PDB file of N, CA and C in Angstrom:
ATOM      1  N   SER A   1     109.604 -51.515 -76.366  1.00  0.00           N
ATOM      2  CA  SER A   1     110.639 -52.515 -76.160  1.00  0.00           C
ATOM      3  C   SER A   1     111.677 -52.001 -75.178  1.00  0.00           C
ATOM      4  N   MET A   2     112.424 -52.909 -74.608  1.00  0.00           N
ATOM      5  CA  MET A   2     113.470 -52.522 -73.660  1.00  0.00           C
ATOM      6  C   MET A   2     114.529 -51.661 -74.345  1.00  0.00           C
ATOM      7  N   PHE A   3     114.808 -51.956 -75.598  1.00  0.00           N
ATOM      8  CA  PHE A   3     115.782 -51.172 -76.359  1.00  0.00           C
ATOM      9  C   PHE A   3     115.364 -49.703 -76.427  1.00  0.00           C
ATOM     10  N   GLU A   4     114.079 -49.445 -76.631  1.00  0.00           N
ATOM     11  CA  GLU A   4     113.589 -48.063 -76.711  1.00  0.00           C
ATOM     12  C   GLU A   4     113.727 -47.343 -75.375  1.00  0.00           C
ATOM     13  N   VAL A   5     113.440 -48.031 -74.278  1.00  0.00           N
ATOM     14  CA  VAL A   5     113.599 -47.448 -72.947  1.00  0.00           C
ATOM     15  C   VAL A   5     115.075 -47.123 -72.715  1.00  0.00           C
ATOM     16  N   GLU A   6     115.944 -48.063 -73.034  1.00  0.00           N
ATOM     17  CA  GLU A   6     117.382 -47.852 -72.870  1.00  0.00           C
ATOM     18  C   GLU A   6     117.870 -46.671 -73.707  1.00  0.00           C
ATOM     19  N   ALA A   7     117.362 -46.540 -74.918  1.00  0.00           N
ATOM     20  CA  ALA A   7     117.786 -45.447 -75.805  1.00  0.00           C
ATOM     21  C   ALA A   7     117.443 -44.083 -75.216  1.00  0.00           C
ATOM     22  N   VAL A   8     116.291 -43.972 -74.564  1.00  0.00           N
ATOM     23  CA  VAL A   8     115.905 -42.701 -73.935  1.00  0.00           C
ATOM     24  C   VAL A   8     116.851 -42.389 -72.786  1.00  0.00           C
ATOM     25  N   ILE A   9     117.069 -43.346 -71.902  1.00  0.00           N
ATOM     26  CA  ILE A   9     117.900 -43.127 -70.720  1.00  0.00           C
ATOM     27  C   ILE A   9     119.354 -42.881 -71.110  1.00  0.00           C
ATOM     28  N   ASP A  10     119.796 -43.527 -72.169  1.00  0.00           N
ATOM     29  CA  ASP A  10     121.172 -43.371 -72.647  1.00  0.00           C
ATOM     30  C   ASP A  10     121.461 -41.940 -73.107  1.00  0.00           C
ATOM     31  N   ARG A  11     120.430 -41.160 -73.358  1.00  0.00           N
ATOM     32  CA  ARG A  11     120.618 -39.756 -73.767  1.00  0.00           C
ATOM     33  C   ARG A  11     121.032 -38.860 -72.607  1.00  0.00           C
ATOM     34  N   LEU A  12     120.903 -39.334 -71.381  1.00  0.00           N
ATOM     35  CA  LEU A  12     121.343 -38.561 -70.218  1.00  0.00           C
ATOM     36  C   LEU A  12     122.871 -38.521 -70.193  1.00  0.00           C
ATOM     37  N   ASP A  13     123.450 -37.341 -70.052  1.00  0.00           N
ATOM     38  CA  ASP A  13     124.908 -37.190 -70.049  1.00  0.00           C
ATOM     39  C   ASP A  13     125.588 -37.977 -68.938  1.00  0.00           C
ATOM     40  N   ASP A  14     124.928 -38.113 -67.782  1.00  0.00           N
ATOM     41  CA  ASP A  14     125.534 -38.785 -66.635  1.00  0.00           C
ATOM     42  C   ASP A  14     125.458 -40.306 -66.697  1.00  0.00           C
ATOM     43  N   VAL A  15     124.837 -40.848 -67.735  1.00  0.00           N
ATOM     44  CA  VAL A  15     124.680 -42.300 -67.862  1.00  0.00           C
ATOM     45  C   VAL A  15     125.790 -42.868 -68.748  1.00  0.00           C
ATOM     46  N   ALA A  16     126.580 -43.787 -68.177  1.00  0.00           N
ATOM     47  CA  ALA A  16     127.633 -44.459 -68.933  1.00  0.00           C
ATOM     48  C   ALA A  16     127.091 -45.726 -69.602  1.00  0.00           C
ATOM     49  N   ASP A  17     126.139 -46.389 -68.939  1.00  0.00           N
ATOM     50  CA  ASP A  17     125.574 -47.632 -69.467  1.00  0.00           C
ATOM     51  C   ASP A  17     124.227 -47.858 -68.806  1.00  0.00           C
ATOM     52  N   VAL A  18     123.330 -48.523 -69.510  1.00  0.00           N
ATOM     53  CA  VAL A  18     121.992 -48.772 -68.977  1.00  0.00           C
ATOM     54  C   VAL A  18     121.457 -50.089 -69.520  1.00  0.00           C
ATOM     55  N   ALA A  19     120.682 -50.761 -68.696  1.00  0.00           N
ATOM     56  CA  ALA A  19     119.984 -51.975 -69.103  1.00  0.00           C
ATOM     57  C   ALA A  19     118.573 -51.917 -68.535  1.00  0.00           C
ATOM     58  N   ALA A  20     117.595 -52.183 -69.383  1.00  0.00           N
ATOM     59  CA  ALA A  20     116.192 -52.240 -68.965  1.00  0.00           C
ATOM     60  C   ALA A  20     115.723 -53.690 -69.077  1.00  0.00           C
ATOM     61  N   PHE A  21     114.930 -54.111 -68.102  1.00  0.00           N
ATOM     62  CA  PHE A  21     114.464 -55.494 -68.100  1.00  0.00           C
ATOM     63  C   PHE A  21     113.221 -55.604 -67.231  1.00  0.00           C
ATOM     64  N   GLY A  22     112.489 -56.665 -67.438  1.00  0.00           N
ATOM     65  CA  GLY A  22     111.309 -56.921 -66.636  1.00  0.00           C
ATOM     66  C   GLY A  22     111.670 -57.738 -65.411  1.00  0.00           C
ATOM     67  N   ILE A  23     110.990 -57.444 -64.312  1.00  0.00           N
ATOM     68  CA  ILE A  23     111.190 -58.190 -63.072  1.00  0.00           C
ATOM     69  C   ILE A  23     109.801 -58.561 -62.543  1.00  0.00           C
ATOM     70  N   THR A  24     109.676 -59.755 -62.008  1.00  0.00           N
ATOM     71  CA  THR A  24     108.383 -60.236 -61.534  1.00  0.00           C
ATOM     72  C   THR A  24     107.798 -59.293 -60.492  1.00  0.00           C
ATOM     73  N   SER A  25     106.547 -58.962 -60.669  1.00  0.00           N
ATOM     74  CA  SER A  25     105.846 -58.063 -59.752  1.00  0.00           C
ATOM     75  C   SER A  25     105.580 -58.770 -58.428  1.00  0.00           C
ATOM     76  N   GLU A  26     105.792 -58.044 -57.331  1.00  0.00           N
ATOM     77  CA  GLU A  26     105.485 -58.595 -56.014  1.00  0.00           C
ATOM     78  C   GLU A  26     103.982 -58.707 -55.806  1.00  0.00           C
ATOM     79  N   GLU A  27     103.231 -57.829 -56.459  1.00  0.00           N
ATOM     80  CA  GLU A  27     101.782 -57.801 -56.279  1.00  0.00           C
ATOM     81  C   GLU A  27     101.071 -58.896 -57.066  1.00  0.00           C
ATOM     82  N   LEU A  28     101.577 -59.184 -58.276  1.00  0.00           N
ATOM     83  CA  LEU A  28     100.927 -60.168 -59.133  1.00  0.00           C
ATOM     84  C   LEU A  28     102.003 -60.928 -59.892  1.00  0.00           C
ATOM     85  N   GLU A  29     102.244 -62.168 -59.506  1.00  0.00           N
ATOM     86  CA  GLU A  29     103.350 -62.958 -60.034  1.00  0.00           C
ATOM     87  C   GLU A  29     103.328 -63.127 -61.552  1.00  0.00           C
ATOM     88  N   SER A  30     102.152 -63.059 -62.163  1.00  0.00           N
ATOM     89  CA  SER A  30     102.059 -63.232 -63.611  1.00  0.00           C
ATOM     90  C   SER A  30     102.410 -61.961 -64.380  1.00  0.00           C
ATOM     91  N   GLU A  31     102.663 -60.868 -63.673  1.00  0.00           N
ATOM     92  CA  GLU A  31     103.000 -59.589 -64.296  1.00  0.00           C
ATOM     93  C   GLU A  31     104.460 -59.238 -64.049  1.00  0.00           C
ATOM     94  N   SER A  32     104.989 -58.363 -64.906  1.00  0.00           N
ATOM     95  CA  SER A  32     106.353 -57.870 -64.738  1.00  0.00           C
ATOM     96  C   SER A  32     106.335 -56.369 -64.564  1.00  0.00           C
ATOM     97  N   GLU A  33     107.315 -55.881 -63.835  1.00  0.00           N
ATOM     98  CA  GLU A  33     107.524 -54.454 -63.647  1.00  0.00           C
ATOM     99  C   GLU A  33     108.801 -54.080 -64.378  1.00  0.00           C
ATOM    100  N   LEU A  34     108.877 -52.837 -64.857  1.00  0.00           N
ATOM    101  CA  LEU A  34     110.064 -52.361 -65.544  1.00  0.00           C
ATOM    102  C   LEU A  34     111.119 -51.940 -64.530  1.00  0.00           C
ATOM    103  N   MET A  35     112.309 -52.481 -64.690  1.00  0.00           N
ATOM    104  CA  MET A  35     113.443 -52.125 -63.836  1.00  0.00           C
ATOM    105  C   MET A  35     114.596 -51.730 -64.733  1.00  0.00           C
ATOM    106  N   ILE A  36     115.370 -50.744 -64.296  1.00  0.00           N
ATOM    107  CA  ILE A  36     116.573 -50.389 -65.041  1.00  0.00           C
ATOM    108  C   ILE A  36     117.774 -50.403 -64.104  1.00  0.00           C
ATOM    109  N   ALA A  37     118.894 -50.805 -64.657  1.00  0.00           N
ATOM    110  CA  ALA A  37     120.175 -50.736 -63.966  1.00  0.00           C
ATOM    111  C   ALA A  37     120.995 -49.693 -64.707  1.00  0.00           C
ATOM    112  N   VAL A  38     121.587 -48.780 -63.952  1.00  0.00           N
ATOM    113  CA  VAL A  38     122.326 -47.667 -64.548  1.00  0.00           C
ATOM    114  C   VAL A  38     123.741 -47.639 -63.991  1.00  0.00           C
ATOM    115  N   VAL A  39     124.700 -47.482 -64.898  1.00  0.00           N
ATOM    116  CA  VAL A  39     126.079 -47.203 -64.510  1.00  0.00           C
ATOM    117  C   VAL A  39     126.271 -45.713 -64.757  1.00  0.00           C
ATOM    118  N   ARG A  40     126.565 -44.988 -63.690  1.00  0.00           N
ATOM    119  CA  ARG A  40     126.791 -43.540 -63.807  1.00  0.00           C
ATOM    120  C   ARG A  40     128.214 -43.269 -64.286  1.00  0.00           C
ATOM    121  N   ARG A  41     128.376 -42.144 -64.985  1.00  0.00           N
ATOM    122  CA  ARG A  41     129.722 -41.696 -65.348  1.00  0.00           C
ATOM    123  C   ARG A  41     130.461 -41.304 -64.070  1.00  0.00           C
ATOM    124  N   SER A  42     131.747 -41.392 -64.130  1.00  0.00           N
ATOM    125  CA  SER A  42     132.588 -41.053 -62.987  1.00  0.00           C
ATOM    126  C   SER A  42     132.281 -39.643 -62.485  1.00  0.00           C
ATOM    127  N   GLY A  43     132.090 -39.523 -61.183  1.00  0.00           N
ATOM    128  CA  GLY A  43     131.821 -38.227 -60.568  1.00  0.00           C
ATOM    129  C   GLY A  43     130.372 -37.776 -60.625  1.00  0.00           C
ATOM    130  N   SER A  44     129.523 -38.541 -61.258  1.00  0.00           N
ATOM    131  CA  SER A  44     128.108 -38.175 -61.387  1.00  0.00           C
ATOM    132  C   SER A  44     127.373 -38.325 -60.060  1.00  0.00           C
ATOM    133  N   THR A  45     126.425 -37.436 -59.841  1.00  0.00           N
ATOM    134  CA  THR A  45     125.540 -37.528 -58.677  1.00  0.00           C
ATOM    135  C   THR A  45     124.097 -37.750 -59.124  1.00  0.00           C
ATOM    136  N   LEU A  46     123.928 -38.325 -60.295  1.00  0.00           N
ATOM    137  CA  LEU A  46     122.605 -38.597 -60.853  1.00  0.00           C
ATOM    138  C   LEU A  46     121.764 -39.383 -59.859  1.00  0.00           C
ATOM    139  N   THR A  47     120.510 -38.963 -59.695  1.00  0.00           N
ATOM    140  CA  THR A  47     119.588 -39.624 -58.765  1.00  0.00           C
ATOM    141  C   THR A  47     118.528 -40.405 -59.538  1.00  0.00           C
ATOM    142  N   PRO A  48     117.902 -41.369 -58.880  1.00  0.00           N
ATOM    143  CA  PRO A  48     116.806 -42.093 -59.530  1.00  0.00           C
ATOM    144  C   PRO A  48     115.663 -41.161 -59.937  1.00  0.00           C
ATOM    145  N   GLU A  49     115.366 -40.178 -59.095  1.00  0.00           N
ATOM    146  CA  GLU A  49     114.295 -39.235 -59.404  1.00  0.00           C
ATOM    147  C   GLU A  49     114.603 -38.449 -60.678  1.00  0.00           C
ATOM    148  N   ALA A  50     115.872 -38.063 -60.858  1.00  0.00           N
ATOM    149  CA  ALA A  50     116.269 -37.331 -62.063  1.00  0.00           C
ATOM    150  C   ALA A  50     116.129 -38.205 -63.297  1.00  0.00           C
ATOM    151  N   VAL A  51     116.471 -39.479 -63.172  1.00  0.00           N
ATOM    152  CA  VAL A  51     116.304 -40.414 -64.298  1.00  0.00           C
ATOM    153  C   VAL A  51     114.819 -40.549 -64.630  1.00  0.00           C
ATOM    154  N   ALA A  52     113.998 -40.798 -63.618  1.00  0.00           N
ATOM    155  CA  ALA A  52     112.553 -40.965 -63.828  1.00  0.00           C
ATOM    156  C   ALA A  52     111.939 -39.710 -64.440  1.00  0.00           C
ATOM    157  N   ARG A  53     112.334 -38.540 -63.956  1.00  0.00           N
ATOM    158  CA  ARG A  53     111.804 -37.277 -64.480  1.00  0.00           C
ATOM    159  C   ARG A  53     112.199 -37.098 -65.955  1.00  0.00           C
ATOM    160  N   PHE A  54     113.459 -37.411 -66.277  1.00  0.00           N
ATOM    161  CA  PHE A  54     113.926 -37.304 -67.657  1.00  0.00           C
ATOM    162  C   PHE A  54     113.115 -38.221 -68.575  1.00  0.00           C
ATOM    163  N   VAL A  55     112.918 -39.451 -68.142  1.00  0.00           N
ATOM    164  CA  VAL A  55     112.138 -40.399 -68.946  1.00  0.00           C
ATOM    165  C   VAL A  55     110.715 -39.881 -69.113  1.00  0.00           C
ATOM    166  N   ASN A  56     110.110 -39.406 -68.033  1.00  0.00           N
ATOM    167  CA  ASN A  56     108.734 -38.914 -68.084  1.00  0.00           C
ATOM    168  C   ASN A  56     108.586 -37.721 -69.021  1.00  0.00           C
ATOM    169  N   GLU A  57     109.627 -36.898 -69.106  1.00  0.00           N
ATOM    170  CA  GLU A  57     109.577 -35.710 -69.954  1.00  0.00           C
ATOM    171  C   GLU A  57     109.948 -35.991 -71.410  1.00  0.00           C
ATOM    172  N   ASN A  58     110.558 -37.149 -71.680  1.00  0.00           N
ATOM    173  CA  ASN A  58     111.083 -37.415 -73.020  1.00  0.00           C
ATOM    174  C   ASN A  58     110.577 -38.690 -73.677  1.00  0.00           C
ATOM    175  N   ALA A  59     109.620 -39.349 -73.045  1.00  0.00           N
ATOM    176  CA  ALA A  59     109.105 -40.617 -73.573  1.00  0.00           C
ATOM    177  C   ALA A  59     107.676 -40.814 -73.074  1.00  0.00           C
ATOM    178  N   PRO A  60     106.982 -41.798 -73.613  1.00  0.00           N
ATOM    179  CA  PRO A  60     105.638 -42.091 -73.106  1.00  0.00           C
ATOM    180  C   PRO A  60     105.688 -42.426 -71.612  1.00  0.00           C
ATOM    181  N   TYR A  61     104.642 -42.081 -70.883  1.00  0.00           N
ATOM    182  CA  TYR A  61     104.612 -42.253 -69.429  1.00  0.00           C
ATOM    183  C   TYR A  61     104.897 -43.691 -68.999  1.00  0.00           C
ATOM    184  N   PHE A  62     104.526 -44.664 -69.826  1.00  0.00           N
ATOM    185  CA  PHE A  62     104.721 -46.057 -69.431  1.00  0.00           C
ATOM    186  C   PHE A  62     106.174 -46.513 -69.565  1.00  0.00           C
ATOM    187  N   PHE A  63     107.055 -45.638 -70.063  1.00  0.00           N
ATOM    188  CA  PHE A  63     108.492 -45.926 -70.093  1.00  0.00           C
ATOM    189  C   PHE A  63     109.143 -45.641 -68.743  1.00  0.00           C
ATOM    190  N   VAL A  64     108.464 -44.910 -67.858  1.00  0.00           N
ATOM    191  CA  VAL A  64     109.045 -44.562 -66.557  1.00  0.00           C
ATOM    192  C   VAL A  64     109.158 -45.845 -65.740  1.00  0.00           C
ATOM    193  N   PRO A  65     110.381 -46.235 -65.376  1.00  0.00           N
ATOM    194  CA  PRO A  65     110.552 -47.507 -64.680  1.00  0.00           C
ATOM    195  C   PRO A  65     110.014 -47.486 -63.252  1.00  0.00           C
ATOM    196  N   ARG A  66     109.533 -48.628 -62.819  1.00  0.00           N
ATOM    197  CA  ARG A  66     109.106 -48.774 -61.425  1.00  0.00           C
ATOM    198  C   ARG A  66     110.327 -48.811 -60.520  1.00  0.00           C
ATOM    199  N   TYR A  67     111.372 -49.532 -60.960  1.00  0.00           N
ATOM    200  CA  TYR A  67     112.569 -49.707 -60.150  1.00  0.00           C
ATOM    201  C   TYR A  67     113.798 -49.176 -60.877  1.00  0.00           C
ATOM    202  N   ILE A  68     114.676 -48.503 -60.124  1.00  0.00           N
ATOM    203  CA  ILE A  68     115.948 -48.019 -60.660  1.00  0.00           C
ATOM    204  C   ILE A  68     117.041 -48.388 -59.666  1.00  0.00           C
ATOM    205  N   THR A  69     118.095 -48.987 -60.180  1.00  0.00           N
ATOM    206  CA  THR A  69     119.247 -49.316 -59.344  1.00  0.00           C
ATOM    207  C   THR A  69     120.509 -48.830 -60.031  1.00  0.00           C
ATOM    208  N   PHE A  70     121.438 -48.342 -59.243  1.00  0.00           N
ATOM    209  CA  PHE A  70     122.733 -47.921 -59.764  1.00  0.00           C
ATOM    210  C   PHE A  70     123.756 -49.009 -59.443  1.00  0.00           C
ATOM    211  N   ILE A  71     124.559 -49.369 -60.435  1.00  0.00           N
ATOM    212  CA  ILE A  71     125.584 -50.393 -60.256  1.00  0.00           C
ATOM    213  C   ILE A  71     126.906 -49.844 -60.788  1.00  0.00           C
ATOM    214  N   ASP A  72     127.991 -50.487 -60.401  1.00  0.00           N
ATOM    215  CA  ASP A  72     129.320 -50.023 -60.810  1.00  0.00           C
ATOM    216  C   ASP A  72     129.698 -50.481 -62.210  1.00  0.00           C
ATOM    217  N   GLU A  73     129.191 -51.664 -62.601  1.00  0.00           N
ATOM    218  CA  GLU A  73     129.574 -52.245 -63.882  1.00  0.00           C
ATOM    219  C   GLU A  73     128.493 -53.220 -64.346  1.00  0.00           C
ATOM    220  N   MET A  74     128.231 -53.229 -65.651  1.00  0.00           N
ATOM    221  CA  MET A  74     127.261 -54.171 -66.210  1.00  0.00           C
ATOM    222  C   MET A  74     127.900 -55.559 -66.332  1.00  0.00           C
ATOM    223  N   PRO A  75     127.166 -56.586 -65.950  1.00  0.00           N
ATOM    224  CA  PRO A  75     127.671 -57.943 -66.186  1.00  0.00           C
ATOM    225  C   PRO A  75     127.579 -58.250 -67.683  1.00  0.00           C
ATOM    226  N   ARG A  76     128.671 -58.694 -68.261  1.00  0.00           N
ATOM    227  CA  ARG A  76     128.708 -58.963 -69.705  1.00  0.00           C
ATOM    228  C   ARG A  76     129.277 -60.356 -69.966  1.00  0.00           C
ATOM    229  N   ASN A  77     128.852 -60.938 -71.081  1.00  0.00           N
ATOM    230  CA  ASN A  77     129.403 -62.231 -71.477  1.00  0.00           C
ATOM    231  C   ASN A  77     130.674 -62.014 -72.303  1.00  0.00           C
ATOM    232  N   ALA A  78     131.251 -63.074 -72.795  1.00  0.00           N
ATOM    233  CA  ALA A  78     132.503 -62.998 -73.560  1.00  0.00           C
ATOM    234  C   ALA A  78     132.359 -62.197 -74.845  1.00  0.00           C
ATOM    235  N   HIS A  79     131.140 -62.053 -75.327  1.00  0.00           N
ATOM    236  CA  HIS A  79     130.884 -61.298 -76.561  1.00  0.00           C
ATOM    237  C   HIS A  79     130.511 -59.842 -76.286  1.00  0.00           C
ATOM    238  N   GLY A  80     130.503 -59.450 -75.009  1.00  0.00           N
ATOM    239  CA  GLY A  80     130.210 -58.075 -74.642  1.00  0.00           C
ATOM    240  C   GLY A  80     128.743 -57.770 -74.434  1.00  0.00           C
ATOM    241  N   ARG A  81     127.896 -58.772 -74.554  1.00  0.00           N
ATOM    242  CA  ARG A  81     126.457 -58.549 -74.356  1.00  0.00           C
ATOM    243  C   ARG A  81     126.125 -58.492 -72.865  1.00  0.00           C
ATOM    244  N   ILE A  82     125.242 -57.558 -72.499  1.00  0.00           N
ATOM    245  CA  ILE A  82     124.811 -57.429 -71.109  1.00  0.00           C
ATOM    246  C   ILE A  82     124.024 -58.674 -70.707  1.00  0.00           C
ATOM    247  N   GLN A  83     124.375 -59.209 -69.556  1.00  0.00           N
ATOM    248  CA  GLN A  83     123.701 -60.392 -69.012  1.00  0.00           C
ATOM    249  C   GLN A  83     122.529 -59.950 -68.147  1.00  0.00           C
ATOM    250  N   LYS A  84     121.398 -59.697 -68.796  1.00  0.00           N
ATOM    251  CA  LYS A  84     120.228 -59.199 -68.076  1.00  0.00           C
ATOM    252  C   LYS A  84     119.700 -60.208 -67.064  1.00  0.00           C
ATOM    253  N   GLU A  85     119.919 -61.487 -67.313  1.00  0.00           N
ATOM    254  CA  GLU A  85     119.476 -62.498 -66.353  1.00  0.00           C
ATOM    255  C   GLU A  85     120.200 -62.324 -65.020  1.00  0.00           C
ATOM    256  N   ASP A  86     121.478 -61.941 -65.065  1.00  0.00           N
ATOM    257  CA  ASP A  86     122.221 -61.689 -63.826  1.00  0.00           C
ATOM    258  C   ASP A  86     121.614 -60.501 -63.078  1.00  0.00           C
ATOM    259  N   LEU A  87     121.244 -59.464 -63.817  1.00  0.00           N
ATOM    260  CA  LEU A  87     120.617 -58.288 -63.207  1.00  0.00           C
ATOM    261  C   LEU A  87     119.257 -58.649 -62.626  1.00  0.00           C
ATOM    262  N   ARG A  88     118.488 -59.414 -63.386  1.00  0.00           N
ATOM    263  CA  ARG A  88     117.158 -59.846 -62.940  1.00  0.00           C
ATOM    264  C   ARG A  88     117.272 -60.702 -61.677  1.00  0.00           C
ATOM    265  N   SER A  89     118.273 -61.566 -61.639  1.00  0.00           N
ATOM    266  CA  SER A  89     118.476 -62.444 -60.476  1.00  0.00           C
ATOM    267  C   SER A  89     118.811 -61.653 -59.217  1.00  0.00           C
ATOM    268  N   ALA A  90     119.511 -60.542 -59.377  1.00  0.00           N
ATOM    269  CA  ALA A  90     119.846 -59.701 -58.226  1.00  0.00           C
ATOM    270  C   ALA A  90     118.580 -59.125 -57.614  1.00  0.00           C
ATOM    271  N   GLY A  91     117.578 -58.883 -58.447  1.00  0.00           N
ATOM    272  CA  GLY A  91     116.272 -58.432 -57.974  1.00  0.00           C
ATOM    273  C   GLY A  91     116.274 -57.058 -57.337  1.00  0.00           C
ATOM    274  N   VAL A  92     115.216 -56.807 -56.595  1.00  0.00           N
ATOM    275  CA  VAL A  92     115.045 -55.544 -55.884  1.00  0.00           C
ATOM    276  C   VAL A  92     115.743 -55.680 -54.536  1.00  0.00           C
ATOM    277  N   THR A  93     116.623 -54.728 -54.247  1.00  0.00           N
ATOM    278  CA  THR A  93     117.362 -54.747 -52.989  1.00  0.00           C
ATOM    279  C   THR A  93     116.998 -53.504 -52.175  1.00  0.00           C
ATOM    280  N   SER A  94     117.597 -53.380 -51.024  1.00  0.00           N
ATOM    281  CA  SER A  94     117.347 -52.201 -50.191  1.00  0.00           C
ATOM    282  C   SER A  94     117.892 -50.930 -50.842  1.00  0.00           C
ATOM    283  N   GLU A  95     118.802 -51.082 -51.799  1.00  0.00           N
ATOM    284  CA  GLU A  95     119.389 -49.942 -52.507  1.00  0.00           C
ATOM    285  C   GLU A  95     118.567 -49.529 -53.739  1.00  0.00           C
ATOM    286  N   THR A  96     117.587 -50.328 -54.105  1.00  0.00           N
ATOM    287  CA  THR A  96     116.787 -50.076 -55.302  1.00  0.00           C
ATOM    288  C   THR A  96     115.725 -49.015 -55.034  1.00  0.00           C
ATOM    289  N   TRP A  97     115.655 -48.028 -55.911  1.00  0.00           N
ATOM    290  CA  TRP A  97     114.609 -47.002 -55.816  1.00  0.00           C
ATOM    291  C   TRP A  97     113.320 -47.597 -56.366  1.00  0.00           C
ATOM    292  N   ASP A  98     112.237 -47.414 -55.632  1.00  0.00           N
ATOM    293  CA  ASP A  98     110.917 -47.913 -56.030  1.00  0.00           C
ATOM    294  C   ASP A  98     110.000 -46.706 -56.245  1.00  0.00           C
ATOM    295  N   ARG A  99     109.632 -46.479 -57.477  1.00  0.00           N
ATOM    296  CA  ARG A  99     108.767 -45.344 -57.815  1.00  0.00           C
ATOM    297  C   ARG A  99     107.495 -45.341 -56.983  1.00  0.00           C
ATOM    298  N   ASP A 100     106.907 -46.506 -56.764  1.00  0.00           N
ATOM    299  CA  ASP A 100     105.640 -46.587 -56.029  1.00  0.00           C
ATOM    300  C   ASP A 100     105.805 -46.287 -54.545  1.00  0.00           C
ATOM    301  N   ALA A 101     107.010 -46.438 -54.025  1.00  0.00           N
ATOM    302  CA  ALA A 101     107.258 -46.148 -52.611  1.00  0.00           C
ATOM    303  C   ALA A 101     107.771 -44.718 -52.415  1.00  0.00           C
ATOM    304  N   SER A 102     107.950 -44.002 -53.516  1.00  0.00           N
ATOM    305  CA  SER A 102     108.437 -42.620 -53.441  1.00  0.00           C
ATOM    306  C   SER A 102     107.271 -41.659 -53.649  1.00  0.00           C
ATOM    307  N   ASP A 103     107.579 -40.388 -53.622  1.00  0.00           N
ATOM    308  CA  ASP A 103     106.527 -39.393 -53.890  1.00  0.00           C
ATOM    309  C   ASP A 103     106.539 -38.943 -55.355  1.00  0.00           C
ATOM    310  N   PHE A 104     107.289 -39.673 -56.206  1.00  0.00           N
ATOM    311  CA  PHE A 104     107.339 -39.348 -57.635  1.00  0.00           C
ATOM    312  C   PHE A 104     105.998 -39.664 -58.280  1.00  0.00           C
ATOM    313  N   GLU A 105     105.507 -38.712 -59.068  1.00  0.00           N
ATOM    314  CA  GLU A 105     104.251 -38.928 -59.782  1.00  0.00           C
ATOM    315  C   GLU A 105     104.487 -38.863 -61.279  1.00  0.00           C
ATOM    316  N   VAL A 106     104.085 -39.917 -61.949  1.00  0.00           N
ATOM    317  CA  VAL A 106     104.189 -39.966 -63.410  1.00  0.00           C
ATOM    318  C   VAL A 106     103.116 -39.065 -63.993  1.00  0.00           C
ATOM    319  N   THR A 107     103.522 -38.225 -64.924  1.00  0.00           N
ATOM    320  CA  THR A 107     102.548 -37.368 -65.609  1.00  0.00           C
ATOM    321  C   THR A 107     102.296 -37.899 -66.997  1.00  0.00           C
ATOM    322  N   ARG A 108     101.050 -37.961 -67.346  1.00  0.00           N
ATOM    323  CA  ARG A 108     100.659 -38.441 -68.679  1.00  0.00           C
ATOM    324  C   ARG A 108     100.424 -37.254 -69.570  1.00  0.00           C
ATOM    325  N   ALA A 109     101.217 -37.181 -70.627  1.00  0.00           N
ATOM    326  CA  ALA A 109     101.086 -36.038 -71.550  1.00  0.00           C
ATOM    327  C   ALA A 109     100.171 -36.386 -72.705  1.00  0.00           C
TER     328      ALA A 109
END
């Protein structure tokens, strides 16, 4: 579940907030890819590769997100719930790290 992915990433000291959600795959419209949005703690230099490596070392390999984006603040509703639809609507941008376009390799333990 997305909650489980978020719980793993939330264990990183440099992560202030995280949201995991599915985003439509460019390759196959009927499929979704895992994307996470991360708010870093002030002064953090956390990289997408470090997040992916941490997830790969601390969770099942399929928890490693395809896309990682860093944002300044999570969009929230009046009740404080993260508005994942707003994040999903923003989609993949030029600032989004794409695991498949990088040299990162997921290891299956």
